[in-house]
């Protein structure tokens, strides 16, 4: 399989109770990207399963930002991705910066960070868990 292809125009909060945070980007961020907080700058960067530090995902961008700009990030609740997912399936951080992948796409040396579980064919219930565990 491959990383999910998210149609940013279709990305939306699944609940009116969702409360995104406004955070600062340390690099260009697109809606639908998974992000982590850089401990040196305090800014949010594209997460990647390739190292323990960059696999510490804190949320998913629900808006876009350029370098040093601000974007909205969601860390809990449900999110309609604008991508096709399989209900009941867990989805994880990919080694490709900010992208989402099924577990089968991870390989030896990758760090396991759970985004959440698909609750329908278009929606993911966020249940973020950056394990710090390498495969």
Protein backbone atom coordinates (compact mmCIF):
# COMPACT_ATOMS: atom_id res chain seq x y z
CA UNK A 1 0.00 0.00 0.00
CA UNK A 2 1.00 3.62 -0.12
CA UNK A 3 0.56 6.75 1.97
CA UNK A 4 -2.98 8.08 2.12
CA UNK A 5 -3.73 10.75 -0.45
CA UNK A 6 -5.65 13.44 1.38
CA UNK A 7 -7.78 15.87 -0.57
CA UNK A 8 -7.26 19.01 1.51
CA UNK A 9 -10.45 20.61 0.19
CA UNK A 10 -12.40 17.69 1.70
CA UNK A 11 -10.56 17.69 5.04
CA UNK A 12 -12.97 18.69 7.81
CA UNK A 13 -13.66 18.32 11.50
CA UNK A 14 -16.20 15.56 12.11
CA UNK A 15 -17.61 17.20 15.23
CA UNK A 16 -18.57 20.74 16.13
CA UNK A 17 -17.00 20.00 19.54
CA UNK A 18 -13.53 19.75 17.97
CA UNK A 19 -11.16 22.37 19.30
CA UNK A 20 -8.04 22.81 17.15
CA UNK A 21 -4.98 24.57 18.57
CA UNK A 22 -3.20 27.37 16.74
CA UNK A 23 0.54 26.65 16.48
CA UNK A 24 3.56 28.01 14.58
CA UNK A 25 5.14 26.17 11.65
CA UNK A 26 8.90 25.73 11.39
CA UNK A 27 8.54 24.68 7.75
CA UNK A 28 5.79 24.61 5.13
CA UNK A 29 2.85 22.55 6.42
CA UNK A 30 -0.14 21.39 4.38
CA UNK A 31 -3.56 20.52 5.75
CA UNK A 32 -3.56 16.79 6.47
CA UNK A 33 0.12 16.63 7.48
CA UNK A 34 1.13 15.01 10.78
CA UNK A 35 3.35 17.25 12.89
CA UNK A 36 5.67 17.14 15.89
CA UNK A 37 7.01 19.97 18.05
CA UNK A 38 10.71 20.72 17.58
CA UNK A 39 12.19 20.96 21.10
CA UNK A 40 14.82 23.49 20.04
CA UNK A 41 12.62 26.08 18.29
CA UNK A 42 9.20 25.21 19.75
CA UNK A 43 7.80 25.27 16.21
CA UNK A 44 5.91 22.44 14.53
CA UNK A 45 7.54 20.39 11.80
CA UNK A 46 6.59 17.50 9.51
CA UNK A 47 6.68 14.27 11.49
CA UNK A 48 8.43 11.17 10.17
CA UNK A 49 8.72 7.58 11.40
CA UNK A 50 12.42 7.61 10.52
CA UNK A 51 13.65 8.86 13.94
CA UNK A 52 12.37 8.80 17.51
CA UNK A 53 12.39 12.61 17.77
CA UNK A 54 10.45 13.24 14.55
CA UNK A 55 8.03 10.38 15.25
CA UNK A 56 6.69 12.09 18.39
CA UNK A 57 3.53 13.28 16.63
CA UNK A 58 1.37 15.76 18.46
CA UNK A 59 -1.40 16.25 15.91
CA UNK A 60 -2.60 16.69 12.37
CA UNK A 61 -2.75 20.03 10.55
CA UNK A 62 -6.26 21.07 9.58
CA UNK A 63 -5.04 24.17 7.77
CA UNK A 64 -1.83 25.05 5.91
CA UNK A 65 1.01 27.43 6.76
CA UNK A 66 4.28 28.66 5.31
CA UNK A 67 7.51 28.83 7.32
CA UNK A 68 6.93 30.79 10.56
CA UNK A 69 3.22 31.07 9.78
CA UNK A 70 0.44 29.73 11.96
CA UNK A 71 -1.90 26.80 11.36
CA UNK A 72 -4.64 24.90 13.14
CA UNK A 73 -3.76 21.50 14.58
CA UNK A 74 -6.08 18.81 15.90
CA UNK A 75 -4.96 16.27 18.51
CA UNK A 76 -8.17 14.49 19.42
CA UNK A 77 -11.74 13.75 18.25
CA UNK A 78 -12.71 12.68 14.70
CA UNK A 79 -11.51 14.01 11.39
CA UNK A 80 -12.91 13.48 7.90
CA UNK A 81 -9.79 13.07 5.78
CA UNK A 82 -10.96 13.37 2.22
CA UNK A 83 -9.17 10.05 1.65
CA UNK A 84 -10.46 6.51 1.45
CA UNK A 85 -9.70 4.43 4.54
CA UNK A 86 -10.86 1.02 5.76
CA UNK A 87 -13.20 1.10 8.77
CA UNK A 88 -11.65 -0.53 11.84
CA UNK A 89 -8.10 -0.21 10.49
CA UNK A 90 -5.38 1.60 12.48
CA UNK A 91 -3.31 4.22 10.65
CA UNK A 92 0.23 5.29 11.45
CA UNK A 93 2.88 7.90 10.74
CA UNK A 94 4.81 7.23 7.53
CA UNK A 95 8.54 7.75 6.94
CA UNK A 96 7.49 10.30 4.29
CA UNK A 97 7.33 13.68 6.02
CA UNK A 98 3.89 14.31 7.53
CA UNK A 99 2.14 11.46 5.72
CA UNK A 100 -0.20 8.71 6.97
CA UNK A 101 0.29 5.02 6.17
CA UNK A 102 -1.04 1.60 7.13
CA UNK A 103 1.18 -0.45 9.47
CA UNK A 104 2.19 -2.78 6.62
CA UNK A 105 4.15 0.11 5.04
CA UNK A 106 6.46 0.47 8.03
CA UNK A 107 9.72 -1.49 8.01
CA UNK A 108 12.70 -2.37 10.18
CA UNK A 109 14.10 0.68 11.97
CA UNK A 110 10.93 2.77 11.64
CA UNK A 111 9.35 4.25 14.78
CA UNK A 112 5.74 3.33 15.48
CA UNK A 113 3.36 6.26 16.01
CA UNK A 114 -0.37 5.63 15.88
CA UNK A 115 -2.63 8.34 14.47
CA UNK A 116 -5.90 6.55 15.15
CA UNK A 117 -8.51 4.17 13.78
CA UNK A 118 -10.78 4.55 10.78
CA UNK A 119 -14.37 4.73 12.01
CA UNK A 120 -15.80 4.77 8.48
CA UNK A 121 -14.44 4.85 4.92
CA UNK A 122 -13.65 8.58 5.18
CA UNK A 123 -13.20 9.32 8.90
CA UNK A 124 -10.45 8.66 11.44
CA UNK A 125 -11.00 8.74 15.19
CA UNK A 126 -7.78 10.31 16.47
CA UNK A 127 -6.04 8.35 19.21
CA UNK A 128 -2.46 9.62 18.91
CA UNK A 129 0.21 7.48 20.50
CA UNK A 130 3.89 8.10 19.79
CA UNK A 131 5.33 4.88 21.25
CA UNK A 132 9.07 5.56 20.85
CA UNK A 133 9.32 1.92 19.75
CA UNK A 134 11.42 1.03 16.72
CA UNK A 135 10.42 -1.97 14.59
